[in-house]
């Protein structure tokens, strides 16, 4: 099983924070700045174990990217965890209905993030 995780967030700081936590835990990290670039990475790679994705991004937001990932049969089983400042129940429900496997609120606790990752992809 792959230990490669794609982190999609328009904030370089968040990508670095998430990436640092994941690398320290033994995961390999790939980064994308928005949903368009994230989809490009997902399509180009077939070895991702998980995608961690922000919701509010330019060009293509996280919910749009999630819907596109799940609509493509080749990627439909790829787990996606949303990492966002959005805590609205309706947004969370929409993401879950669209196929999100988890939800982490920013600012995030690295241990909570890693617990969510391990729950989905194993350690």
PDB file of N, CA and C in Angstrom:
ATOM      1  N   UNK A   1       0.846  -1.197   0.000  1.00  0.00           N
ATOM      2  CA  UNK A   1       0.000   0.000   0.000  1.00  0.00           C
ATOM      3  C   UNK A   1       0.880   1.246   0.000  1.00  0.00           C
ATOM      4  N   UNK A   2       0.451   2.244  -0.740  1.00  0.00           N
ATOM      5  CA  UNK A   2       1.185   3.499  -0.834  1.00  0.00           C
ATOM      6  C   UNK A   2       1.107   4.295   0.469  1.00  0.00           C
ATOM      7  N   UNK A   3       2.114   5.078   0.720  1.00  0.00           N
ATOM      8  CA  UNK A   3       2.074   5.988   1.863  1.00  0.00           C
ATOM      9  C   UNK A   3       2.152   7.432   1.369  1.00  0.00           C
ATOM     10  N   UNK A   4       1.764   7.635   0.100  1.00  0.00           N
ATOM     11  CA  UNK A   4       1.852   8.951  -0.536  1.00  0.00           C
ATOM     12  C   UNK A   4       0.533   9.702  -0.364  1.00  0.00           C
ATOM     13  N   UNK A   5       0.637  10.940   0.149  1.00  0.00           N
ATOM     14  CA  UNK A   5      -0.546  11.753   0.423  1.00  0.00           C
ATOM     15  C   UNK A   5      -0.449  13.077  -0.320  1.00  0.00           C
ATOM     16  N   UNK A   6      -1.529  13.430  -1.004  1.00  0.00           N
ATOM     17  CA  UNK A   6      -1.618  14.709  -1.705  1.00  0.00           C
ATOM     18  C   UNK A   6      -2.272  15.729  -0.785  1.00  0.00           C
ATOM     19  N   UNK A   7      -1.596  16.866  -0.589  1.00  0.00           N
ATOM     20  CA  UNK A   7      -2.125  17.968   0.223  1.00  0.00           C
ATOM     21  C   UNK A   7      -2.491  19.105  -0.729  1.00  0.00           C
ATOM     22  N   UNK A   8      -3.785  19.450  -0.763  1.00  0.00           N
ATOM     23  CA  UNK A   8      -4.287  20.486  -1.667  1.00  0.00           C
ATOM     24  C   UNK A   8      -4.773  21.663  -0.827  1.00  0.00           C
ATOM     25  N   UNK A   9      -4.062  22.776  -0.895  1.00  0.00           N
ATOM     26  CA  UNK A   9      -4.442  23.970  -0.137  1.00  0.00           C
ATOM     27  C   UNK A   9      -3.792  25.171  -0.805  1.00  0.00           C
ATOM     28  N   UNK A  10      -4.516  26.283  -0.900  1.00  0.00           N
ATOM     29  CA  UNK A  10      -3.946  27.472  -1.526  1.00  0.00           C
ATOM     30  C   UNK A  10      -2.967  28.201  -0.606  1.00  0.00           C
ATOM     31  N   UNK A  11      -2.916  27.828   0.660  1.00  0.00           N
ATOM     32  CA  UNK A  11      -1.976  28.431   1.603  1.00  0.00           C
ATOM     33  C   UNK A  11      -0.692  27.603   1.678  1.00  0.00           C
ATOM     34  N   UNK A  12       0.416  28.219   1.278  1.00  0.00           N
ATOM     35  CA  UNK A  12       1.717  27.535   1.343  1.00  0.00           C
ATOM     36  C   UNK A  12       2.035  27.140   2.786  1.00  0.00           C
ATOM     37  N   UNK A  13       1.687  28.015   3.739  1.00  0.00           N
ATOM     38  CA  UNK A  13       1.950  27.744   5.156  1.00  0.00           C
ATOM     39  C   UNK A  13       1.213  26.488   5.617  1.00  0.00           C
ATOM     40  N   UNK A  14      -0.053  26.366   5.253  1.00  0.00           N
ATOM     41  CA  UNK A  14      -0.823  25.178   5.641  1.00  0.00           C
ATOM     42  C   UNK A  14      -0.233  23.933   4.983  1.00  0.00           C
ATOM     43  N   UNK A  15       0.109  24.030   3.693  1.00  0.00           N
ATOM     44  CA  UNK A  15       0.721  22.868   3.021  1.00  0.00           C
ATOM     45  C   UNK A  15       1.997  22.450   3.739  1.00  0.00           C
ATOM     46  N   UNK A  16       2.801  23.431   4.155  1.00  0.00           N
ATOM     47  CA  UNK A  16       4.053  23.122   4.864  1.00  0.00           C
ATOM     48  C   UNK A  16       3.768  22.486   6.221  1.00  0.00           C
ATOM     49  N   UNK A  17       2.792  23.031   6.971  1.00  0.00           N
ATOM     50  CA  UNK A  17       2.467  22.480   8.295  1.00  0.00           C
ATOM     51  C   UNK A  17       1.948  21.049   8.183  1.00  0.00           C
ATOM     52  N   UNK A  18       1.039  20.829   7.257  1.00  0.00           N
ATOM     53  CA  UNK A  18       0.486  19.483   7.063  1.00  0.00           C
ATOM     54  C   UNK A  18       1.594  18.551   6.577  1.00  0.00           C
ATOM     55  N   UNK A  19       2.369  19.020   5.601  1.00  0.00           N
ATOM     56  CA  UNK A  19       3.452  18.206   5.048  1.00  0.00           C
ATOM     57  C   UNK A  19       4.474  17.806   6.097  1.00  0.00           C
ATOM     58  N   UNK A  20       4.854  18.747   6.943  1.00  0.00           N
ATOM     59  CA  UNK A  20       5.831  18.459   7.998  1.00  0.00           C
ATOM     60  C   UNK A  20       5.304  17.375   8.943  1.00  0.00           C
ATOM     61  N   UNK A  21       4.048  17.511   9.365  1.00  0.00           N
ATOM     62  CA  UNK A  21       3.455  16.506  10.270  1.00  0.00           C
ATOM     63  C   UNK A  21       3.425  15.130   9.605  1.00  0.00           C
ATOM     64  N   UNK A  22       3.052  15.095   8.325  1.00  0.00           N
ATOM     65  CA  UNK A  22       2.955  13.814   7.614  1.00  0.00           C
ATOM     66  C   UNK A  22       4.324  13.183   7.385  1.00  0.00           C
ATOM     67  N   UNK A  23       5.302  13.990   6.972  1.00  0.00           N
ATOM     68  CA  UNK A  23       6.652  13.471   6.722  1.00  0.00           C
ATOM     69  C   UNK A  23       7.250  12.918   8.012  1.00  0.00           C
ATOM     70  N   UNK A  24       7.070  13.633   9.123  1.00  0.00           N
ATOM     71  CA  UNK A  24       7.583  13.155  10.418  1.00  0.00           C
ATOM     72  C   UNK A  24       6.953  11.819  10.802  1.00  0.00           C
ATOM     73  N   UNK A  25       5.730  11.594  10.345  1.00  0.00           N
ATOM     74  CA  UNK A  25       5.033  10.342  10.656  1.00  0.00           C
ATOM     75  C   UNK A  25       5.339   9.242   9.629  1.00  0.00           C
ATOM     76  N   UNK A  26       6.200   9.547   8.657  1.00  0.00           N
ATOM     77  CA  UNK A  26       6.632   8.525   7.711  1.00  0.00           C
ATOM     78  C   UNK A  26       5.885   8.493   6.388  1.00  0.00           C
ATOM     79  N   UNK A  27       5.075   9.501   6.119  1.00  0.00           N
ATOM     80  CA  UNK A  27       4.350   9.561   4.852  1.00  0.00           C
ATOM     81  C   UNK A  27       5.130  10.389   3.839  1.00  0.00           C
ATOM     82  N   UNK A  28       4.886  10.108   2.567  1.00  0.00           N
ATOM     83  CA  UNK A  28       5.452  10.898   1.483  1.00  0.00           C
ATOM     84  C   UNK A  28       4.389  11.910   1.065  1.00  0.00           C
ATOM     85  N   UNK A  29       4.788  13.151   0.799  1.00  0.00           N
ATOM     86  CA  UNK A  29       3.822  14.220   0.536  1.00  0.00           C
ATOM     87  C   UNK A  29       4.004  14.811  -0.861  1.00  0.00           C
ATOM     88  N   UNK A  30       2.869  15.018  -1.528  1.00  0.00           N
ATOM     89  CA  UNK A  30       2.801  15.719  -2.808  1.00  0.00           C
ATOM     90  C   UNK A  30       1.898  16.922  -2.554  1.00  0.00           C
ATOM     91  N   UNK A  31       2.199  18.073  -3.157  1.00  0.00           N
ATOM     92  CA  UNK A  31       1.411  19.282  -2.896  1.00  0.00           C
ATOM     93  C   UNK A  31       0.749  19.817  -4.163  1.00  0.00           C
ATOM     94  N   UNK A  32      -0.407  20.477  -3.960  1.00  0.00           N
ATOM     95  CA  UNK A  32      -1.093  21.198  -5.029  1.00  0.00           C
ATOM     96  C   UNK A  32      -1.698  22.466  -4.423  1.00  0.00           C
ATOM     97  N   UNK A  33      -1.773  23.536  -5.237  1.00  0.00           N
ATOM     98  CA  UNK A  33      -2.217  24.840  -4.748  1.00  0.00           C
ATOM     99  C   UNK A  33      -3.722  25.069  -4.848  1.00  0.00           C
ATOM    100  N   UNK A  34      -4.413  24.297  -5.671  1.00  0.00           N
ATOM    101  CA  UNK A  34      -5.861  24.470  -5.815  1.00  0.00           C
ATOM    102  C   UNK A  34      -6.457  23.183  -6.388  1.00  0.00           C
ATOM    103  N   UNK A  35      -7.774  23.172  -6.539  1.00  0.00           N
ATOM    104  CA  UNK A  35      -8.453  21.967  -7.015  1.00  0.00           C
ATOM    105  C   UNK A  35      -8.052  21.552  -8.418  1.00  0.00           C
ATOM    106  N   UNK A  36      -7.783  22.524  -9.288  1.00  0.00           N
ATOM    107  CA  UNK A  36      -7.367  22.212 -10.662  1.00  0.00           C
ATOM    108  C   UNK A  36      -6.037  21.468 -10.638  1.00  0.00           C
ATOM    109  N   UNK A  37      -5.072  22.013  -9.903  1.00  0.00           N
ATOM    110  CA  UNK A  37      -3.756  21.367  -9.802  1.00  0.00           C
ATOM    111  C   UNK A  37      -3.893  20.030  -9.057  1.00  0.00           C
ATOM    112  N   UNK A  38      -4.762  19.989  -8.044  1.00  0.00           N
ATOM    113  CA  UNK A  38      -4.987  18.749  -7.306  1.00  0.00           C
ATOM    114  C   UNK A  38      -5.512  17.643  -8.205  1.00  0.00           C
ATOM    115  N   UNK A  39      -6.496  17.973  -9.030  1.00  0.00           N
ATOM    116  CA  UNK A  39      -7.035  16.975  -9.970  1.00  0.00           C
ATOM    117  C   UNK A  39      -5.972  16.506 -10.943  1.00  0.00           C
ATOM    118  N   UNK A  40      -5.136  17.441 -11.392  1.00  0.00           N
ATOM    119  CA  UNK A  40      -4.046  17.090 -12.304  1.00  0.00           C
ATOM    120  C   UNK A  40      -3.105  16.078 -11.642  1.00  0.00           C
ATOM    121  N   UNK A  41      -2.760  16.310 -10.371  1.00  0.00           N
ATOM    122  CA  UNK A  41      -1.875  15.390  -9.634  1.00  0.00           C
ATOM    123  C   UNK A  41      -2.547  14.016  -9.460  1.00  0.00           C
ATOM    124  N   UNK A  42      -3.822  14.023  -9.124  1.00  0.00           N
ATOM    125  CA  UNK A  42      -4.556  12.763  -8.923  1.00  0.00           C
ATOM    126  C   UNK A  42      -4.598  11.961 -10.217  1.00  0.00           C
ATOM    127  N   UNK A  43      -4.857  12.644 -11.331  1.00  0.00           N
ATOM    128  CA  UNK A  43      -4.942  11.969 -12.631  1.00  0.00           C
ATOM    129  C   UNK A  43      -3.580  11.441 -13.069  1.00  0.00           C
ATOM    130  N   UNK A  44      -2.522  12.203 -12.770  1.00  0.00           N
ATOM    131  CA  UNK A  44      -1.169  11.824 -13.189  1.00  0.00           C
ATOM    132  C   UNK A  44      -0.594  10.687 -12.348  1.00  0.00           C
ATOM    133  N   UNK A  45      -1.103  10.527 -11.133  1.00  0.00           N
ATOM    134  CA  UNK A  45      -0.570   9.526 -10.205  1.00  0.00           C
ATOM    135  C   UNK A  45      -1.637   8.493  -9.894  1.00  0.00           C
ATOM    136  N   UNK A  46      -1.246   7.277  -9.828  1.00  0.00           N
ATOM    137  CA  UNK A  46      -2.183   6.226  -9.415  1.00  0.00           C
ATOM    138  C   UNK A  46      -1.720   5.585  -8.119  1.00  0.00           C
ATOM    139  N   UNK A  47      -0.781   6.278  -7.426  1.00  0.00           N
ATOM    140  CA  UNK A  47      -0.185   5.690  -6.221  1.00  0.00           C
ATOM    141  C   UNK A  47      -0.507   6.471  -4.955  1.00  0.00           C
ATOM    142  N   UNK A  48      -1.537   7.311  -4.988  1.00  0.00           N
ATOM    143  CA  UNK A  48      -1.885   8.079  -3.792  1.00  0.00           C
ATOM    144  C   UNK A  48      -2.709   7.229  -2.830  1.00  0.00           C
ATOM    145  N   UNK A  49      -2.396   7.366  -1.550  1.00  0.00           N
ATOM    146  CA  UNK A  49      -3.159   6.657  -0.517  1.00  0.00           C
ATOM    147  C   UNK A  49      -4.313   7.511  -0.013  1.00  0.00           C
ATOM    148  N   UNK A  50      -4.161   8.851  -0.121  1.00  0.00           N
ATOM    149  CA  UNK A  50      -5.125   9.767   0.489  1.00  0.00           C
ATOM    150  C   UNK A  50      -4.923  11.167  -0.075  1.00  0.00           C
ATOM    151  N   UNK A  51      -6.012  11.949  -0.066  1.00  0.00           N
ATOM    152  CA  UNK A  51      -5.945  13.366  -0.412  1.00  0.00           C
ATOM    153  C   UNK A  51      -6.457  14.151   0.793  1.00  0.00           C
ATOM    154  N   UNK A  52      -5.706  15.181   1.196  1.00  0.00           N
ATOM    155  CA  UNK A  52      -6.149  16.112   2.230  1.00  0.00           C
ATOM    156  C   UNK A  52      -6.377  17.434   1.505  1.00  0.00           C
ATOM    157  N   UNK A  53      -7.611  17.944   1.582  1.00  0.00           N
ATOM    158  CA  UNK A  53      -7.997  19.053   0.719  1.00  0.00           C
ATOM    159  C   UNK A  53      -8.735  20.166   1.461  1.00  0.00           C
ATOM    160  N   UNK A  54      -8.312  21.395   1.213  1.00  0.00           N
ATOM    161  CA  UNK A  54      -8.999  22.582   1.706  1.00  0.00           C
ATOM    162  C   UNK A  54     -10.311  22.737   0.926  1.00  0.00           C
ATOM    163  N   UNK A  55     -11.242  23.519   1.457  1.00  0.00           N
ATOM    164  CA  UNK A  55     -12.480  23.793   0.718  1.00  0.00           C
ATOM    165  C   UNK A  55     -12.378  25.104  -0.041  1.00  0.00           C
ATOM    166  N   UNK A  56     -12.018  26.181   0.651  1.00  0.00           N
ATOM    167  CA  UNK A  56     -12.006  27.509   0.032  1.00  0.00           C
ATOM    168  C   UNK A  56     -10.692  27.773  -0.674  1.00  0.00           C
ATOM    169  N   UNK A  57     -10.710  27.592  -2.013  1.00  0.00           N
ATOM    170  CA  UNK A  57      -9.523  27.813  -2.840  1.00  0.00           C
ATOM    171  C   UNK A  57      -9.956  28.473  -4.145  1.00  0.00           C
ATOM    172  N   UNK A  58      -9.028  29.189  -4.797  1.00  0.00           N
ATOM    173  CA  UNK A  58      -9.352  29.776  -6.101  1.00  0.00           C
ATOM    174  C   UNK A  58      -9.393  28.707  -7.195  1.00  0.00           C
ATOM    175  N   UNK A  59      -9.904  29.054  -8.338  1.00  0.00           N
ATOM    176  CA  UNK A  59      -9.969  28.222  -9.555  1.00  0.00           C
ATOM    177  C   UNK A  59     -10.937  27.053  -9.438  1.00  0.00           C
ATOM    178  N   UNK A  60     -10.753  26.179  -8.463  1.00  0.00           N
ATOM    179  CA  UNK A  60     -11.677  25.072  -8.204  1.00  0.00           C
ATOM    180  C   UNK A  60     -11.624  24.802  -6.711  1.00  0.00           C
ATOM    181  N   UNK A  61     -12.762  24.926  -6.032  1.00  0.00           N
ATOM    182  CA  UNK A  61     -12.737  24.719  -4.584  1.00  0.00           C
ATOM    183  C   UNK A  61     -12.703  23.227  -4.247  1.00  0.00           C
ATOM    184  N   UNK A  62     -12.536  22.935  -2.976  1.00  0.00           N
ATOM    185  CA  UNK A  62     -12.382  21.556  -2.539  1.00  0.00           C
ATOM    186  C   UNK A  62     -13.608  20.691  -2.774  1.00  0.00           C
ATOM    187  N   UNK A  63     -14.805  21.254  -2.624  1.00  0.00           N
ATOM    188  CA  UNK A  63     -16.022  20.468  -2.865  1.00  0.00           C
ATOM    189  C   UNK A  63     -16.160  20.136  -4.347  1.00  0.00           C
ATOM    190  N   UNK A  64     -15.800  21.068  -5.222  1.00  0.00           N
ATOM    191  CA  UNK A  64     -15.831  20.807  -6.663  1.00  0.00           C
ATOM    192  C   UNK A  64     -14.802  19.734  -7.030  1.00  0.00           C
ATOM    193  N   UNK A  65     -13.611  19.833  -6.433  1.00  0.00           N
ATOM    194  CA  UNK A  65     -12.582  18.832  -6.708  1.00  0.00           C
ATOM    195  C   UNK A  65     -13.016  17.457  -6.212  1.00  0.00           C
ATOM    196  N   UNK A  66     -13.592  17.413  -5.008  1.00  0.00           N
ATOM    197  CA  UNK A  66     -14.080  16.158  -4.440  1.00  0.00           C
ATOM    198  C   UNK A  66     -15.110  15.520  -5.371  1.00  0.00           C
ATOM    199  N   UNK A  67     -16.054  16.316  -5.865  1.00  0.00           N
ATOM    200  CA  UNK A  67     -17.081  15.793  -6.783  1.00  0.00           C
ATOM    201  C   UNK A  67     -16.443  15.249  -8.062  1.00  0.00           C
ATOM    202  N   UNK A  68     -15.442  15.941  -8.595  1.00  0.00           N
ATOM    203  CA  UNK A  68     -14.766  15.493  -9.811  1.00  0.00           C
ATOM    204  C   UNK A  68     -13.999  14.191  -9.567  1.00  0.00           C
ATOM    205  N   UNK A  69     -13.354  14.078  -8.417  1.00  0.00           N
ATOM    206  CA  UNK A  69     -12.615  12.853  -8.076  1.00  0.00           C
ATOM    207  C   UNK A  69     -13.577  11.672  -7.996  1.00  0.00           C
ATOM    208  N   UNK A  70     -14.681  11.854  -7.291  1.00  0.00           N
ATOM    209  CA  UNK A  70     -15.638  10.761  -7.081  1.00  0.00           C
ATOM    210  C   UNK A  70     -16.398  10.411  -8.353  1.00  0.00           C
ATOM    211  N   UNK A  71     -16.509  11.355  -9.304  1.00  0.00           N
ATOM    212  CA  UNK A  71     -17.210  11.096 -10.565  1.00  0.00           C
ATOM    213  C   UNK A  71     -16.360  10.273 -11.535  1.00  0.00           C
ATOM    214  N   UNK A  72     -15.059  10.235 -11.315  1.00  0.00           N
ATOM    215  CA  UNK A  72     -14.135   9.494 -12.178  1.00  0.00           C
ATOM    216  C   UNK A  72     -13.944   8.094 -11.595  1.00  0.00           C
ATOM    217  N   UNK A  73     -14.402   7.093 -12.308  1.00  0.00           N
ATOM    218  CA  UNK A  73     -14.345   5.708 -11.811  1.00  0.00           C
ATOM    219  C   UNK A  73     -12.934   5.294 -11.402  1.00  0.00           C
ATOM    220  N   UNK A  74     -11.928   5.808 -12.088  1.00  0.00           N
ATOM    221  CA  UNK A  74     -10.540   5.440 -11.783  1.00  0.00           C
ATOM    222  C   UNK A  74     -10.107   5.952 -10.413  1.00  0.00           C
ATOM    223  N   UNK A  75     -10.754   7.009  -9.928  1.00  0.00           N
ATOM    224  CA  UNK A  75     -10.359   7.624  -8.666  1.00  0.00           C
ATOM    225  C   UNK A  75     -11.428   7.539  -7.580  1.00  0.00           C
ATOM    226  N   UNK A  76     -12.572   6.979  -7.894  1.00  0.00           N
ATOM    227  CA  UNK A  76     -13.725   7.027  -6.987  1.00  0.00           C
ATOM    228  C   UNK A  76     -13.424   6.459  -5.597  1.00  0.00           C
ATOM    229  N   UNK A  77     -12.514   5.501  -5.506  1.00  0.00           N
ATOM    230  CA  UNK A  77     -12.224   4.892  -4.201  1.00  0.00           C
ATOM    231  C   UNK A  77     -11.120   5.619  -3.430  1.00  0.00           C
ATOM    232  N   UNK A  78     -10.526   6.651  -4.026  1.00  0.00           N
ATOM    233  CA  UNK A  78      -9.463   7.407  -3.357  1.00  0.00           C
ATOM    234  C   UNK A  78     -10.053   8.196  -2.188  1.00  0.00           C
ATOM    235  N   UNK A  79      -9.597   7.947  -0.950  1.00  0.00           N
ATOM    236  CA  UNK A  79     -10.150   8.674   0.196  1.00  0.00           C
ATOM    237  C   UNK A  79      -9.714  10.143   0.215  1.00  0.00           C
ATOM    238  N   UNK A  80     -10.668  11.010   0.564  1.00  0.00           N
ATOM    239  CA  UNK A  80     -10.407  12.448   0.651  1.00  0.00           C
ATOM    240  C   UNK A  80     -10.842  12.937   2.029  1.00  0.00           C
ATOM    241  N   UNK A  81      -9.927  13.652   2.708  1.00  0.00           N
ATOM    242  CA  UNK A  81     -10.228  14.286   3.995  1.00  0.00           C
ATOM    243  C   UNK A  81     -10.227  15.789   3.755  1.00  0.00           C
ATOM    244  N   UNK A  82     -11.266  16.456   4.224  1.00  0.00           N
ATOM    245  CA  UNK A  82     -11.352  17.904   4.074  1.00  0.00           C
ATOM    246  C   UNK A  82     -10.657  18.565   5.274  1.00  0.00           C
ATOM    247  N   UNK A  83      -9.811  19.552   4.986  1.00  0.00           N
ATOM    248  CA  UNK A  83      -9.097  20.324   6.013  1.00  0.00           C
ATOM    249  C   UNK A  83      -9.470  21.778   5.779  1.00  0.00           C
ATOM    250  N   UNK A  84     -10.252  22.365   6.683  1.00  0.00           N
ATOM    251  CA  UNK A  84     -10.826  23.667   6.384  1.00  0.00           C
ATOM    252  C   UNK A  84     -11.202  24.453   7.629  1.00  0.00           C
ATOM    253  N   UNK A  85     -11.414  25.740   7.450  1.00  0.00           N
ATOM    254  CA  UNK A  85     -11.941  26.582   8.519  1.00  0.00           C
ATOM    255  C   UNK A  85     -13.459  26.464   8.579  1.00  0.00           C
ATOM    256  N   UNK A  86     -14.052  25.849   7.557  1.00  0.00           N
ATOM    257  CA  UNK A  86     -15.511  25.700   7.471  1.00  0.00           C
ATOM    258  C   UNK A  86     -16.004  24.704   8.525  1.00  0.00           C
ATOM    259  N   UNK A  87     -16.847  25.176   9.423  1.00  0.00           N
ATOM    260  CA  UNK A  87     -17.396  24.277  10.424  1.00  0.00           C
ATOM    261  C   UNK A  87     -18.904  24.154  10.319  1.00  0.00           C
ATOM    262  N   UNK A  88     -19.481  24.743   9.256  1.00  0.00           N
ATOM    263  CA  UNK A  88     -20.938  24.724   9.092  1.00  0.00           C
ATOM    264  C   UNK A  88     -21.442  23.307   8.852  1.00  0.00           C
ATOM    265  N   UNK A  89     -22.470  22.929   9.573  1.00  0.00           N
ATOM    266  CA  UNK A  89     -23.035  21.583   9.457  1.00  0.00           C
ATOM    267  C   UNK A  89     -23.428  21.255   8.025  1.00  0.00           C
ATOM    268  N   UNK A  90     -24.054  22.208   7.322  1.00  0.00           N
ATOM    269  CA  UNK A  90     -24.502  21.918   5.950  1.00  0.00           C
ATOM    270  C   UNK A  90     -23.330  21.684   5.006  1.00  0.00           C
ATOM    271  N   UNK A  91     -22.210  22.404   5.220  1.00  0.00           N
ATOM    272  CA  UNK A  91     -21.030  22.196   4.380  1.00  0.00           C
ATOM    273  C   UNK A  91     -20.415  20.826   4.657  1.00  0.00           C
ATOM    274  N   UNK A  92     -20.356  20.464   5.932  1.00  0.00           N
ATOM    275  CA  UNK A  92     -19.830  19.152   6.322  1.00  0.00           C
ATOM    276  C   UNK A  92     -20.703  18.045   5.726  1.00  0.00           C
ATOM    277  N   UNK A  93     -22.017  18.194   5.820  1.00  0.00           N
ATOM    278  CA  UNK A  93     -22.942  17.188   5.271  1.00  0.00           C
ATOM    279  C   UNK A  93     -22.787  17.081   3.759  1.00  0.00           C
ATOM    280  N   UNK A  94     -22.626  18.228   3.085  1.00  0.00           N
ATOM    281  CA  UNK A  94     -22.440  18.215   1.632  1.00  0.00           C
ATOM    282  C   UNK A  94     -21.163  17.460   1.265  1.00  0.00           C
ATOM    283  N   UNK A  95     -20.088  17.705   2.006  1.00  0.00           N
ATOM    284  CA  UNK A  95     -18.823  17.020   1.738  1.00  0.00           C
ATOM    285  C   UNK A  95     -18.958  15.521   1.986  1.00  0.00           C
ATOM    286  N   UNK A  96     -19.610  15.146   3.080  1.00  0.00           N
ATOM    287  CA  UNK A  96     -19.797  13.721   3.373  1.00  0.00           C
ATOM    288  C   UNK A  96     -20.645  13.052   2.292  1.00  0.00           C
ATOM    289  N   UNK A  97     -21.707  13.749   1.873  1.00  0.00           N
ATOM    290  CA  UNK A  97     -22.582  13.209   0.825  1.00  0.00           C
ATOM    291  C   UNK A  97     -21.811  13.053  -0.492  1.00  0.00           C
ATOM    292  N   UNK A  98     -20.845  13.950  -0.718  1.00  0.00           N
ATOM    293  CA  UNK A  98     -20.030  13.895  -1.930  1.00  0.00           C
ATOM    294  C   UNK A  98     -18.922  12.853  -1.849  1.00  0.00           C
ATOM    295  N   UNK A  99     -18.725  12.267  -0.656  1.00  0.00           N
ATOM    296  CA  UNK A  99     -17.756  11.190  -0.538  1.00  0.00           C
ATOM    297  C   UNK A  99     -16.551  11.453   0.339  1.00  0.00           C
ATOM    298  N   UNK A 100     -16.511  12.586   1.052  1.00  0.00           N
ATOM    299  CA  UNK A 100     -15.377  12.857   1.946  1.00  0.00           C
ATOM    300  C   UNK A 100     -15.348  11.819   3.064  1.00  0.00           C
ATOM    301  N   UNK A 101     -14.160  11.345   3.392  1.00  0.00           N
ATOM    302  CA  UNK A 101     -13.993  10.331   4.444  1.00  0.00           C
ATOM    303  C   UNK A 101     -13.781  10.932   5.816  1.00  0.00           C
ATOM    304  N   UNK A 102     -13.434  12.224   5.859  1.00  0.00           N
ATOM    305  CA  UNK A 102     -13.171  12.847   7.150  1.00  0.00           C
ATOM    306  C   UNK A 102     -13.150  14.348   7.044  1.00  0.00           C
ATOM    307  N   UNK A 103     -13.039  14.982   8.205  1.00  0.00           N
ATOM    308  CA  UNK A 103     -13.130  16.429   8.301  1.00  0.00           C
ATOM    309  C   UNK A 103     -12.217  16.892   9.424  1.00  0.00           C
ATOM    310  N   UNK A 104     -11.287  17.805   9.129  1.00  0.00           N
ATOM    311  CA  UNK A 104     -10.404  18.364  10.146  1.00  0.00           C
ATOM    312  C   UNK A 104     -10.517  19.885  10.051  1.00  0.00           C
ATOM    313  N   UNK A 105     -10.774  20.529  11.196  1.00  0.00           N
ATOM    314  CA  UNK A 105     -10.951  21.976  11.231  1.00  0.00           C
ATOM    315  C   UNK A 105      -9.615  22.677  11.471  1.00  0.00           C
ATOM    316  N   UNK A 106      -9.344  23.748  10.701  1.00  0.00           N
ATOM    317  CA  UNK A 106      -8.168  24.596  10.910  1.00  0.00           C
ATOM    318  C   UNK A 106      -8.511  25.643  11.964  1.00  0.00           C
ATOM    319  N   UNK A 107      -7.572  26.075  12.787  1.00  0.00           N
ATOM    320  CA  UNK A 107      -6.219  25.534  12.860  1.00  0.00           C
ATOM    321  C   UNK A 107      -6.260  24.110  13.406  1.00  0.00           C
ATOM    322  N   UNK A 108      -5.442  23.258  12.843  1.00  0.00           N
ATOM    323  CA  UNK A 108      -5.505  21.841  13.194  1.00  0.00           C
ATOM    324  C   UNK A 108      -4.407  21.450  14.178  1.00  0.00           C
ATOM    325  N   UNK A 109      -4.696  20.416  14.913  1.00  0.00           N
ATOM    326  CA  UNK A 109      -3.728  19.812  15.820  1.00  0.00           C
ATOM    327  C   UNK A 109      -3.057  18.681  15.029  1.00  0.00           C
ATOM    328  N   UNK A 110      -1.732  18.700  14.867  1.00  0.00           N
ATOM    329  CA  UNK A 110      -1.062  17.662  14.081  1.00  0.00           C
ATOM    330  C   UNK A 110      -1.398  16.231  14.537  1.00  0.00           C
ATOM    331  N   UNK A 111      -1.533  16.028  15.856  1.00  0.00           N
ATOM    332  CA  UNK A 111      -1.854  14.685  16.351  1.00  0.00           C
ATOM    333  C   UNK A 111      -3.249  14.247  15.906  1.00  0.00           C
ATOM    334  N   UNK A 112      -4.205  15.186  15.902  1.00  0.00           N
ATOM    335  CA  UNK A 112      -5.562  14.862  15.440  1.00  0.00           C
ATOM    336  C   UNK A 112      -5.550  14.554  13.946  1.00  0.00           C
ATOM    337  N   UNK A 113      -4.800  15.338  13.192  1.00  0.00           N
ATOM    338  CA  UNK A 113      -4.692  15.112  11.749  1.00  0.00           C
ATOM    339  C   UNK A 113      -4.107  13.724  11.482  1.00  0.00           C
ATOM    340  N   UNK A 114      -3.011  13.402  12.168  1.00  0.00           N
ATOM    341  CA  UNK A 114      -2.367  12.099  11.967  1.00  0.00           C
ATOM    342  C   UNK A 114      -3.278  10.958  12.396  1.00  0.00           C
ATOM    343  N   UNK A 115      -4.053  11.159  13.453  1.00  0.00           N
ATOM    344  CA  UNK A 115      -5.004  10.125  13.884  1.00  0.00           C
ATOM    345  C   UNK A 115      -6.027   9.862  12.785  1.00  0.00           C
ATOM    346  N   UNK A 116      -6.522  10.927  12.145  1.00  0.00           N
ATOM    347  CA  UNK A 116      -7.488  10.780  11.048  1.00  0.00           C
ATOM    348  C   UNK A 116      -6.848  10.069   9.869  1.00  0.00           C
ATOM    349  N   UNK A 117      -5.615  10.441   9.535  1.00  0.00           N
ATOM    350  CA  UNK A 117      -4.904   9.820   8.415  1.00  0.00           C
ATOM    351  C   UNK A 117      -4.693   8.324   8.693  1.00  0.00           C
ATOM    352  N   UNK A 118      -4.206   8.005   9.883  1.00  0.00           N
ATOM    353  CA  UNK A 118      -3.939   6.599  10.222  1.00  0.00           C
ATOM    354  C   UNK A 118      -5.209   5.766  10.222  1.00  0.00           C
ATOM    355  N   UNK A 119      -6.314   6.360  10.642  1.00  0.00           N
ATOM    356  CA  UNK A 119      -7.589   5.662  10.656  1.00  0.00           C
ATOM    357  C   UNK A 119      -7.996   5.248   9.243  1.00  0.00           C
ATOM    358  N   UNK A 120      -7.672   6.105   8.272  1.00  0.00           N
ATOM    359  CA  UNK A 120      -8.081   5.841   6.886  1.00  0.00           C
ATOM    360  C   UNK A 120      -7.057   4.997   6.129  1.00  0.00           C
ATOM    361  N   UNK A 121      -5.760   5.323   6.245  1.00  0.00           N
ATOM    362  CA  UNK A 121      -4.759   4.613   5.436  1.00  0.00           C
ATOM    363  C   UNK A 121      -3.884   3.659   6.240  1.00  0.00           C
ATOM    364  N   UNK A 122      -4.008   3.660   7.549  1.00  0.00           N
ATOM    365  CA  UNK A 122      -3.136   2.826   8.359  1.00  0.00           C
ATOM    366  C   UNK A 122      -1.844   3.558   8.661  1.00  0.00           C
ATOM    367  N   UNK A 123      -1.014   2.968   9.514  1.00  0.00           N
ATOM    368  CA  UNK A 123       0.209   3.679   9.929  1.00  0.00           C
ATOM    369  C   UNK A 123       1.396   3.279   9.107  1.00  0.00           C
TER     370      UNK A 123
END
